[in-house]
Amino acid sequence: ETRDYLASGLRAAGYAVVAEHNSEAGARRLLEARW
């Protein structure tokens, strides 16, 4: 619920958002792109 709320609010503010649910998936995303 919090993840969806964050993603929705940030997108509405004009950010391109990718959301992940745990540290392993987050760690992979961090290495895949420039944030």
Full PDB file with SEQRES, HELIX, SHEET, SSBOND, CRYST1, ORIGX, SCALE, CONECT and MASTER records, all heavy atoms in Angstrom:
SEQRES   1 A   35  GLU THR ARG ASP TYR LEU ALA SER GLY LEU ARG ALA ALA          
SEQRES   2 A   35  GLY TYR ALA VAL VAL ALA GLU HIS ASN SER GLU ALA GLY          
SEQRES   3 A   35  ALA ARG ARG LEU LEU GLU ALA ARG TRP                          
HELIX    1 AA1 THR A    2  ALA A   12  1                                  11    
HELIX    2 AA2 SER A   23  GLU A   32  1                                  10    
CRYST1    1.000    1.000    1.000  90.00  90.00  90.00 P 1           1          
ORIGX1      1.000000  0.000000  0.000000        0.00000                         
ORIGX2      0.000000  1.000000  0.000000        0.00000                         
ORIGX3      0.000000  0.000000  1.000000        0.00000                         
SCALE1      1.000000  0.000000  0.000000        0.00000                         
SCALE2      0.000000  1.000000  0.000000        0.00000                         
SCALE3      0.000000  0.000000  1.000000        0.00000                         
ATOM      1  N   GLU A   1       0.830  -1.211   0.000  1.00  0.00           N  
ATOM      2  CA  GLU A   1       0.000   0.000   0.000  1.00  0.00           C  
ATOM      3  C   GLU A   1       0.867   1.264   0.000  1.00  0.00           C  
ATOM      4  O   GLU A   1       0.614   2.202  -0.758  1.00  0.00           O  
ATOM      5  CB  GLU A   1      -0.923  -0.010   1.212  1.00  0.00           C  
ATOM      6  CG  GLU A   1      -1.889   1.157   1.250  1.00  0.00           C  
ATOM      7  CD  GLU A   1      -2.858   1.079   2.419  1.00  0.00           C  
ATOM      8  OE1 GLU A   1      -2.884   0.038   3.107  1.00  0.00           O  
ATOM      9  OE2 GLU A   1      -3.589   2.074   2.644  1.00  0.00           O  
ATOM     10  N   THR A   2       1.899   1.250   0.842  1.00  0.00           N  
ATOM     11  CA  THR A   2       2.794   2.408   0.892  1.00  0.00           C  
ATOM     12  C   THR A   2       3.561   2.556  -0.410  1.00  0.00           C  
ATOM     13  O   THR A   2       3.755   3.665  -0.903  1.00  0.00           O  
ATOM     14  CB  THR A   2       3.787   2.260   2.065  1.00  0.00           C  
ATOM     15  OG1 THR A   2       3.060   2.098   3.280  1.00  0.00           O  
ATOM     16  CG2 THR A   2       4.695   3.477   2.172  1.00  0.00           C  
ATOM     17  N   ARG A   3       3.988   1.433  -0.975  1.00  0.00           N  
ATOM     18  CA  ARG A   3       4.736   1.461  -2.237  1.00  0.00           C  
ATOM     19  C   ARG A   3       3.887   2.061  -3.354  1.00  0.00           C  
ATOM     20  O   ARG A   3       4.363   2.905  -4.126  1.00  0.00           O  
ATOM     21  CB  ARG A   3       5.183   0.044  -2.597  1.00  0.00           C  
ATOM     22  CG  ARG A   3       6.115  -0.032  -3.795  1.00  0.00           C  
ATOM     23  CD  ARG A   3       6.706  -1.425  -3.947  1.00  0.00           C  
ATOM     24  NE  ARG A   3       5.717  -2.456  -4.195  1.00  0.00           N  
ATOM     25  CZ  ARG A   3       5.392  -3.413  -3.317  1.00  0.00           C  
ATOM     26  NH1 ARG A   3       5.970  -3.452  -2.128  1.00  0.00           N  
ATOM     27  NH2 ARG A   3       4.481  -4.327  -3.621  1.00  0.00           N  
ATOM     28  N   ASP A   4       2.624   1.641  -3.438  1.00  0.00           N  
ATOM     29  CA  ASP A   4       1.742   2.174  -4.473  1.00  0.00           C  
ATOM     30  C   ASP A   4       1.466   3.665  -4.256  1.00  0.00           C  
ATOM     31  O   ASP A   4       1.399   4.449  -5.213  1.00  0.00           O  
ATOM     32  CB  ASP A   4       0.416   1.413  -4.485  1.00  0.00           C  
ATOM     33  CG  ASP A   4       0.577  -0.021  -4.987  1.00  0.00           C  
ATOM     34  OD1 ASP A   4       1.628  -0.317  -5.597  1.00  0.00           O  
ATOM     35  OD2 ASP A   4      -0.340  -0.829  -4.752  1.00  0.00           O  
ATOM     36  N   TYR A   5       1.321   4.050  -2.993  1.00  0.00           N  
ATOM     37  CA  TYR A   5       1.084   5.461  -2.655  1.00  0.00           C  
ATOM     38  C   TYR A   5       2.278   6.313  -3.061  1.00  0.00           C  
ATOM     39  O   TYR A   5       2.125   7.391  -3.655  1.00  0.00           O  
ATOM     40  CB  TYR A   5       0.817   5.557  -1.162  1.00  0.00           C  
ATOM     41  CG  TYR A   5       0.637   6.960  -0.624  1.00  0.00           C  
ATOM     42  CD1 TYR A   5      -0.369   7.797  -1.101  1.00  0.00           C  
ATOM     43  CD2 TYR A   5       1.467   7.436   0.384  1.00  0.00           C  
ATOM     44  CE1 TYR A   5      -0.540   9.081  -0.592  1.00  0.00           C  
ATOM     45  CE2 TYR A   5       1.305   8.716   0.905  1.00  0.00           C  
ATOM     46  CZ  TYR A   5       0.300   9.531   0.417  1.00  0.00           C  
ATOM     47  OH  TYR A   5       0.136  10.787   0.929  1.00  0.00           O  
ATOM     48  N   LEU A   6       3.485   5.835  -2.774  1.00  0.00           N  
ATOM     49  CA  LEU A   6       4.701   6.556  -3.142  1.00  0.00           C  
ATOM     50  C   LEU A   6       4.829   6.677  -4.658  1.00  0.00           C  
ATOM     51  O   LEU A   6       5.090   7.763  -5.189  1.00  0.00           O  
ATOM     52  CB  LEU A   6       5.925   5.830  -2.584  1.00  0.00           C  
ATOM     53  CG  LEU A   6       6.168   5.938  -1.084  1.00  0.00           C  
ATOM     54  CD1 LEU A   6       7.202   4.897  -0.634  1.00  0.00           C  
ATOM     55  CD2 LEU A   6       6.645   7.340  -0.730  1.00  0.00           C  
ATOM     56  N   ALA A   7       4.662   5.563  -5.348  1.00  0.00           N  
ATOM     57  CA  ALA A   7       4.818   5.569  -6.795  1.00  0.00           C  
ATOM     58  C   ALA A   7       3.809   6.492  -7.455  1.00  0.00           C  
ATOM     59  O   ALA A   7       4.133   7.270  -8.366  1.00  0.00           O  
ATOM     60  CB  ALA A   7       4.681   4.147  -7.341  1.00  0.00           C  
ATOM     61  N   SER A   8       2.566   6.449  -6.980  1.00  0.00           N  
ATOM     62  CA  SER A   8       1.516   7.282  -7.558  1.00  0.00           C  
ATOM     63  C   SER A   8       1.806   8.764  -7.327  1.00  0.00           C  
ATOM     64  O   SER A   8       1.692   9.590  -8.251  1.00  0.00           O  
ATOM     65  CB  SER A   8       0.167   6.906  -6.930  1.00  0.00           C  
ATOM     66  OG  SER A   8      -0.863   7.748  -7.401  1.00  0.00           O  
ATOM     67  N   GLY A   9       2.194   9.110  -6.108  1.00  0.00           N  
ATOM     68  CA  GLY A   9       2.466  10.510  -5.798  1.00  0.00           C  
ATOM     69  C   GLY A   9       3.655  11.065  -6.557  1.00  0.00           C  
ATOM     70  O   GLY A   9       3.631  12.200  -7.042  1.00  0.00           O  
ATOM     71  N   LEU A  10       4.705  10.269  -6.663  1.00  0.00           N  
ATOM     72  CA  LEU A  10       5.902  10.710  -7.374  1.00  0.00           C  
ATOM     73  C   LEU A  10       5.644  10.837  -8.870  1.00  0.00           C  
ATOM     74  O   LEU A  10       6.114  11.780  -9.516  1.00  0.00           O  
ATOM     75  CB  LEU A  10       7.051   9.739  -7.105  1.00  0.00           C  
ATOM     76  CG  LEU A  10       7.661   9.831  -5.695  1.00  0.00           C  
ATOM     77  CD1 LEU A  10       8.441   8.569  -5.352  1.00  0.00           C  
ATOM     78  CD2 LEU A  10       8.574  11.057  -5.591  1.00  0.00           C  
ATOM     79  N   ARG A  11       4.895   9.903  -9.428  1.00  0.00           N  
ATOM     80  CA  ARG A  11       4.569   9.990 -10.856  1.00  0.00           C  
ATOM     81  C   ARG A  11       3.711  11.213 -11.142  1.00  0.00           C  
ATOM     82  O   ARG A  11       3.896  11.891 -12.160  1.00  0.00           O  
ATOM     83  CB  ARG A  11       3.868   8.711 -11.309  1.00  0.00           C  
ATOM     84  CG  ARG A  11       4.808   7.523 -11.437  1.00  0.00           C  
ATOM     85  CD  ARG A  11       4.088   6.250 -11.815  1.00  0.00           C  
ATOM     86  NE  ARG A  11       5.018   5.125 -11.893  1.00  0.00           N  
ATOM     87  CZ  ARG A  11       4.813   3.934 -11.343  1.00  0.00           C  
ATOM     88  NH1 ARG A  11       3.672   3.685 -10.694  1.00  0.00           N  
ATOM     89  NH2 ARG A  11       5.718   2.980 -11.451  1.00  0.00           N  
ATOM     90  N   ALA A  12       2.761  11.487 -10.257  1.00  0.00           N  
ATOM     91  CA  ALA A  12       1.913  12.663 -10.438  1.00  0.00           C  
ATOM     92  C   ALA A  12       2.734  13.946 -10.394  1.00  0.00           C  
ATOM     93  O   ALA A  12       2.361  14.959 -11.007  1.00  0.00           O  
ATOM     94  CB  ALA A  12       0.827  12.695  -9.366  1.00  0.00           C  
ATOM     95  N   ALA A  13       3.865  13.902  -9.680  1.00  0.00           N  
ATOM     96  CA  ALA A  13       4.743  15.069  -9.584  1.00  0.00           C  
ATOM     97  C   ALA A  13       5.727  15.145 -10.745  1.00  0.00           C  
ATOM     98  O   ALA A  13       6.536  16.073 -10.806  1.00  0.00           O  
ATOM     99  CB  ALA A  13       5.509  15.035  -8.264  1.00  0.00           C  
ATOM    100  N   GLY A  14       5.687  14.156 -11.647  1.00  0.00           N  
ATOM    101  CA  GLY A  14       6.509  14.224 -12.850  1.00  0.00           C  
ATOM    102  C   GLY A  14       7.744  13.353 -12.863  1.00  0.00           C  
ATOM    103  O   GLY A  14       8.560  13.451 -13.789  1.00  0.00           O  
ATOM    104  N   TYR A  15       7.897  12.463 -11.873  1.00  0.00           N  
ATOM    105  CA  TYR A  15       9.066  11.591 -11.841  1.00  0.00           C  
ATOM    106  C   TYR A  15       8.777  10.290 -12.589  1.00  0.00           C  
ATOM    107  O   TYR A  15       7.643   9.805 -12.608  1.00  0.00           O  
ATOM    108  CB  TYR A  15       9.434  11.240 -10.396  1.00  0.00           C  
ATOM    109  CG  TYR A  15       9.916  12.418  -9.589  1.00  0.00           C  
ATOM    110  CD1 TYR A  15       9.011  13.229  -8.905  1.00  0.00           C  
ATOM    111  CD2 TYR A  15      11.266  12.744  -9.512  1.00  0.00           C  
ATOM    112  CE1 TYR A  15       9.435  14.326  -8.171  1.00  0.00           C  
ATOM    113  CE2 TYR A  15      11.703  13.834  -8.778  1.00  0.00           C  
ATOM    114  CZ  TYR A  15      10.777  14.621  -8.115  1.00  0.00           C  
ATOM    115  OH  TYR A  15      11.201  15.709  -7.386  1.00  0.00           O  
ATOM    116  N   ALA A  16       9.823   9.731 -13.190  1.00  0.00           N  
ATOM    117  CA  ALA A  16       9.745   8.387 -13.749  1.00  0.00           C  
ATOM    118  C   ALA A  16      10.095   7.431 -12.620  1.00  0.00           C  
ATOM    119  O   ALA A  16      11.206   7.471 -12.091  1.00  0.00           O  
ATOM    120  CB  ALA A  16      10.711   8.227 -14.915  1.00  0.00           C  
ATOM    121  N   VAL A  17       9.162   6.570 -12.231  1.00  0.00           N  
ATOM    122  CA  VAL A  17       9.305   5.779 -11.008  1.00  0.00           C  
ATOM    123  C   VAL A  17       9.359   4.288 -11.311  1.00  0.00           C  
ATOM    124  O   VAL A  17       8.570   3.769 -12.093  1.00  0.00           O  
ATOM    125  CB  VAL A  17       8.134   6.058 -10.035  1.00  0.00           C  
ATOM    126  CG1 VAL A  17       8.291   5.229  -8.752  1.00  0.00           C  
ATOM    127  CG2 VAL A  17       8.054   7.540  -9.698  1.00  0.00           C  
ATOM    128  N   VAL A  18      10.324   3.620 -10.669  1.00  0.00           N  
ATOM    129  CA  VAL A  18      10.357   2.166 -10.625  1.00  0.00           C  
ATOM    130  C   VAL A  18      10.280   1.781  -9.152  1.00  0.00           C  
ATOM    131  O   VAL A  18      10.993   2.353  -8.320  1.00  0.00           O  
ATOM    132  CB  VAL A  18      11.644   1.602 -11.257  1.00  0.00           C  
ATOM    133  CG1 VAL A  18      11.749   0.096 -11.014  1.00  0.00           C  
ATOM    134  CG2 VAL A  18      11.684   1.911 -12.750  1.00  0.00           C  
ATOM    135  N   ALA A  19       9.414   0.841  -8.820  1.00  0.00           N  
ATOM    136  CA  ALA A  19       9.216   0.451  -7.426  1.00  0.00           C  
ATOM    137  C   ALA A  19       9.555  -1.023  -7.228  1.00  0.00           C  
ATOM    138  O   ALA A  19       9.147  -1.872  -8.025  1.00  0.00           O  
ATOM    139  CB  ALA A  19       7.779   0.724  -6.996  1.00  0.00           C  
ATOM    140  N   GLU A  20      10.310  -1.321  -6.168  1.00  0.00           N  
ATOM    141  CA  GLU A  20      10.664  -2.695  -5.816  1.00  0.00           C  
ATOM    142  C   GLU A  20      10.277  -2.962  -4.364  1.00  0.00           C  
ATOM    143  O   GLU A  20      10.124  -2.031  -3.569  1.00  0.00           O  
ATOM    144  CB  GLU A  20      12.156  -2.943  -6.012  1.00  0.00           C  
ATOM    145  CG  GLU A  20      12.606  -2.887  -7.468  1.00  0.00           C  
ATOM    146  CD  GLU A  20      12.037  -4.017  -8.318  1.00  0.00           C  
ATOM    147  OE1 GLU A  20      11.370  -4.931  -7.758  1.00  0.00           O  
ATOM    148  OE2 GLU A  20      12.244  -3.992  -9.546  1.00  0.00           O  
ATOM    149  N   HIS A  21      10.187  -4.271  -4.019  1.00  0.00           N  
ATOM    150  CA  HIS A  21       9.601  -4.631  -2.726  1.00  0.00           C  
ATOM    151  C   HIS A  21      10.590  -5.194  -1.709  1.00  0.00           C  
ATOM    152  O   HIS A  21      10.223  -5.401  -0.560  1.00  0.00           O  
ATOM    153  CB  HIS A  21       8.484  -5.652  -2.942  1.00  0.00           C  
ATOM    154  CG  HIS A  21       8.982  -6.977  -3.434  1.00  0.00           C  
ATOM    155  ND1 HIS A  21       9.439  -7.165  -4.724  1.00  0.00           N  
ATOM    156  CD2 HIS A  21       9.113  -8.160  -2.794  1.00  0.00           C  
ATOM    157  CE1 HIS A  21       9.811  -8.426  -4.866  1.00  0.00           C  
ATOM    158  NE2 HIS A  21       9.631  -9.044  -3.716  1.00  0.00           N  
ATOM    159  N   ASN A  22      11.837  -5.464  -2.115  1.00  0.00           N  
ATOM    160  CA  ASN A  22      12.807  -5.966  -1.131  1.00  0.00           C  
ATOM    161  C   ASN A  22      14.217  -5.538  -1.522  1.00  0.00           C  
ATOM    162  O   ASN A  22      14.441  -4.960  -2.591  1.00  0.00           O  
ATOM    163  CB  ASN A  22      12.713  -7.495  -0.971  1.00  0.00           C  
ATOM    164  CG  ASN A  22      13.018  -8.246  -2.258  1.00  0.00           C  
ATOM    165  OD1 ASN A  22      13.800  -7.790  -3.104  1.00  0.00           O  
ATOM    166  ND2 ASN A  22      12.393  -9.400  -2.436  1.00  0.00           N  
ATOM    167  N   SER A  23      15.170  -5.841  -0.646  1.00  0.00           N  
ATOM    168  CA  SER A  23      16.526  -5.351  -0.860  1.00  0.00           C  
ATOM    169  C   SER A  23      17.213  -6.024  -2.040  1.00  0.00           C  
ATOM    170  O   SER A  23      18.008  -5.390  -2.736  1.00  0.00           O  
ATOM    171  CB  SER A  23      17.361  -5.543   0.416  1.00  0.00           C  
ATOM    172  OG  SER A  23      17.369  -6.896   0.820  1.00  0.00           O  
ATOM    173  N   GLU A  24      16.918  -7.301  -2.285  1.00  0.00           N  
ATOM    174  CA  GLU A  24      17.558  -7.978  -3.404  1.00  0.00           C  
ATOM    175  C   GLU A  24      17.135  -7.372  -4.737  1.00  0.00           C  
ATOM    176  O   GLU A  24      17.978  -7.069  -5.599  1.00  0.00           O  
ATOM    177  CB  GLU A  24      17.220  -9.483  -3.397  1.00  0.00           C  
ATOM    178  CG  GLU A  24      17.930 -10.279  -2.329  1.00  0.00           C  
ATOM    179  CD  GLU A  24      17.252 -10.168  -0.973  1.00  0.00           C  
ATOM    180  OE1 GLU A  24      16.166  -9.558  -0.887  1.00  0.00           O  
ATOM    181  OE2 GLU A  24      17.818 -10.684   0.010  1.00  0.00           O  
ATOM    182  N   ALA A  25      15.828  -7.183  -4.914  1.00  0.00           N  
ATOM    183  CA  ALA A  25      15.339  -6.576  -6.155  1.00  0.00           C  
ATOM    184  C   ALA A  25      15.833  -5.130  -6.264  1.00  0.00           C  
ATOM    185  O   ALA A  25      16.210  -4.671  -7.342  1.00  0.00           O  
ATOM    186  CB  ALA A  25      13.806  -6.615  -6.186  1.00  0.00           C  
ATOM    187  N   GLY A  26      15.848  -4.424  -5.143  1.00  0.00           N  
ATOM    188  CA  GLY A  26      16.345  -3.054  -5.153  1.00  0.00           C  
ATOM    189  C   GLY A  26      17.806  -2.975  -5.531  1.00  0.00           C  
ATOM    190  O   GLY A  26      18.212  -2.088  -6.295  1.00  0.00           O  
ATOM    191  N   ALA A  27      18.604  -3.899  -5.007  1.00  0.00           N  
ATOM    192  CA  ALA A  27      20.036  -3.913  -5.316  1.00  0.00           C  
ATOM    193  C   ALA A  27      20.268  -4.137  -6.802  1.00  0.00           C  
ATOM    194  O   ALA A  27      21.153  -3.511  -7.400  1.00  0.00           O  
ATOM    195  CB  ALA A  27      20.734  -5.001  -4.497  1.00  0.00           C  
ATOM    196  N   ARG A  28      19.478  -5.012  -7.415  1.00  0.00           N  
ATOM    197  CA  ARG A  28      19.620  -5.249  -8.853  1.00  0.00           C  
ATOM    198  C   ARG A  28      19.272  -3.995  -9.651  1.00  0.00           C  
ATOM    199  O   ARG A  28      19.973  -3.631 -10.591  1.00  0.00           O  
ATOM    200  CB  ARG A  28      18.720  -6.412  -9.286  1.00  0.00           C  
ATOM    201  CG  ARG A  28      19.201  -7.791  -8.810  1.00  0.00           C  
ATOM    202  CD  ARG A  28      18.477  -8.903  -9.552  1.00  0.00           C  
ATOM    203  NE  ARG A  28      17.050  -8.901  -9.251  1.00  0.00           N  
ATOM    204  CZ  ARG A  28      16.493  -9.559  -8.238  1.00  0.00           C  
ATOM    205  NH1 ARG A  28      17.256 -10.272  -7.405  1.00  0.00           N  
ATOM    206  NH2 ARG A  28      15.187  -9.519  -8.037  1.00  0.00           N  
ATOM    207  N   ARG A  29      18.199  -3.321  -9.258  1.00  0.00           N  
ATOM    208  CA  ARG A  29      17.789  -2.106  -9.955  1.00  0.00           C  
ATOM    209  C   ARG A  29      18.856  -1.022  -9.848  1.00  0.00           C  
ATOM    210  O   ARG A  29      19.099  -0.271 -10.804  1.00  0.00           O  
ATOM    211  CB  ARG A  29      16.480  -1.591  -9.377  1.00  0.00           C  
ATOM    212  CG  ARG A  29      15.272  -2.429  -9.727  1.00  0.00           C  
ATOM    213  CD  ARG A  29      14.875  -2.256 -11.182  1.00  0.00           C  
ATOM    214  NE  ARG A  29      13.581  -2.903 -11.449  1.00  0.00           N  
ATOM    215  CZ  ARG A  29      12.995  -2.933 -12.627  1.00  0.00           C  
ATOM    216  NH1 ARG A  29      13.587  -2.353 -13.662  1.00  0.00           N  
ATOM    217  NH2 ARG A  29      11.828  -3.533 -12.798  1.00  0.00           N  
ATOM    218  N   LEU A  30      19.480  -0.927  -8.696  1.00  0.00           N  
ATOM    219  CA  LEU A  30      20.499   0.099  -8.494  1.00  0.00           C  
ATOM    220  C   LEU A  30      21.662  -0.062  -9.465  1.00  0.00           C  
ATOM    221  O   LEU A  30      22.282   0.920  -9.880  1.00  0.00           O  
ATOM    222  CB  LEU A  30      21.019   0.044  -7.056  1.00  0.00           C  
ATOM    223  CG  LEU A  30      20.085   0.627  -5.991  1.00  0.00           C  
ATOM    224  CD1 LEU A  30      20.553   0.222  -4.598  1.00  0.00           C  
ATOM    225  CD2 LEU A  30      20.010   2.144  -6.113  1.00  0.00           C  
ATOM    226  N   LEU A  31      21.953  -1.300  -9.830  1.00  0.00           N  
ATOM    227  CA  LEU A  31      23.066  -1.571 -10.732  1.00  0.00           C  
ATOM    228  C   LEU A  31      22.674  -1.487 -12.202  1.00  0.00           C  
ATOM    229  O   LEU A  31      23.537  -1.391 -13.073  1.00  0.00           O  
ATOM    230  CB  LEU A  31      23.642  -2.960 -10.443  1.00  0.00           C  
ATOM    231  CG  LEU A  31      24.288  -3.152  -9.066  1.00  0.00           C  
ATOM    232  CD1 LEU A  31      24.659  -4.620  -8.859  1.00  0.00           C  
ATOM    233  CD2 LEU A  31      25.503  -2.258  -8.913  1.00  0.00           C  
ATOM    234  N   GLU A  32      21.379  -1.511 -12.467  1.00  0.00           N  
ATOM    235  CA  GLU A  32      20.909  -1.564 -13.851  1.00  0.00           C  
ATOM    236  C   GLU A  32      20.801  -0.196 -14.519  1.00  0.00           C  
ATOM    237  O   GLU A  32      20.809  -0.110 -15.746  1.00  0.00           O  
ATOM    238  CB  GLU A  32      19.528  -2.240 -13.902  1.00  0.00           C  
ATOM    239  CG  GLU A  32      19.572  -3.734 -13.633  1.00  0.00           C  
ATOM    240  CD  GLU A  32      18.181  -4.338 -13.545  1.00  0.00           C  
ATOM    241  OE1 GLU A  32      17.177  -3.569 -13.635  1.00  0.00           O  
ATOM    242  OE2 GLU A  32      18.068  -5.562 -13.383  1.00  0.00           O  
ATOM    243  N   ALA A  33      20.663   0.847 -13.730  1.00  0.00           N  
ATOM    244  CA  ALA A  33      20.389   2.161 -14.327  1.00  0.00           C  
ATOM    245  C   ALA A  33      20.971   3.268 -13.457  1.00  0.00           C  
ATOM    246  O   ALA A  33      21.420   3.039 -12.341  1.00  0.00           O  
ATOM    247  CB  ALA A  33      18.879   2.359 -14.492  1.00  0.00           C  
ATOM    248  N   ARG A  34      20.944   4.476 -13.998  1.00  0.00           N  
ATOM    249  CA  ARG A  34      21.359   5.671 -13.253  1.00  0.00           C  
ATOM    250  C   ARG A  34      20.108   6.310 -12.668  1.00  0.00           C  
ATOM    251  O   ARG A  34      19.147   6.580 -13.372  1.00  0.00           O  
ATOM    252  CB  ARG A  34      22.062   6.663 -14.175  1.00  0.00           C  
ATOM    253  CG  ARG A  34      22.426   7.979 -13.506  1.00  0.00           C  
ATOM    254  CD  ARG A  34      22.918   8.985 -14.520  1.00  0.00           C  
ATOM    255  NE  ARG A  34      23.112  10.295 -13.932  1.00  0.00           N  
ATOM    256  CZ  ARG A  34      22.151  11.178 -13.732  1.00  0.00           C  
ATOM    257  NH1 ARG A  34      20.899  10.871 -14.074  1.00  0.00           N  
ATOM    258  NH2 ARG A  34      22.408  12.347 -13.183  1.00  0.00           N  
ATOM    259  N   TRP A  35      20.135   6.536 -11.364  1.00  0.00           N  
ATOM    260  CA  TRP A  35      18.983   7.101 -10.671  1.00  0.00           C  
ATOM    261  C   TRP A  35      19.301   8.500 -10.175  1.00  0.00           C  
ATOM    262  O   TRP A  35      20.420   8.781  -9.749  1.00  0.00           O  
ATOM    263  CB  TRP A  35      18.582   6.197  -9.499  1.00  0.00           C  
ATOM    264  CG  TRP A  35      18.302   4.798  -9.944  1.00  0.00           C  
ATOM    265  CD1 TRP A  35      19.152   3.731  -9.901  1.00  0.00           C  
ATOM    266  CD2 TRP A  35      17.100   4.325 -10.558  1.00  0.00           C  
ATOM    267  NE1 TRP A  35      18.558   2.619 -10.442  1.00  0.00           N  
ATOM    268  CE2 TRP A  35      17.293   2.949 -10.848  1.00  0.00           C  
ATOM    269  CE3 TRP A  35      15.880   4.923 -10.879  1.00  0.00           C  
ATOM    270  CZ2 TRP A  35      16.311   2.184 -11.455  1.00  0.00           C  
ATOM    271  CZ3 TRP A  35      14.895   4.162 -11.480  1.00  0.00           C  
ATOM    272  CH2 TRP A  35      15.118   2.802 -11.758  1.00  0.00           C  
TER     273      TRP A  35                                                      
MASTER        0    0    0    2    0    0    0    6  272    1    0    3          
END                                                                             
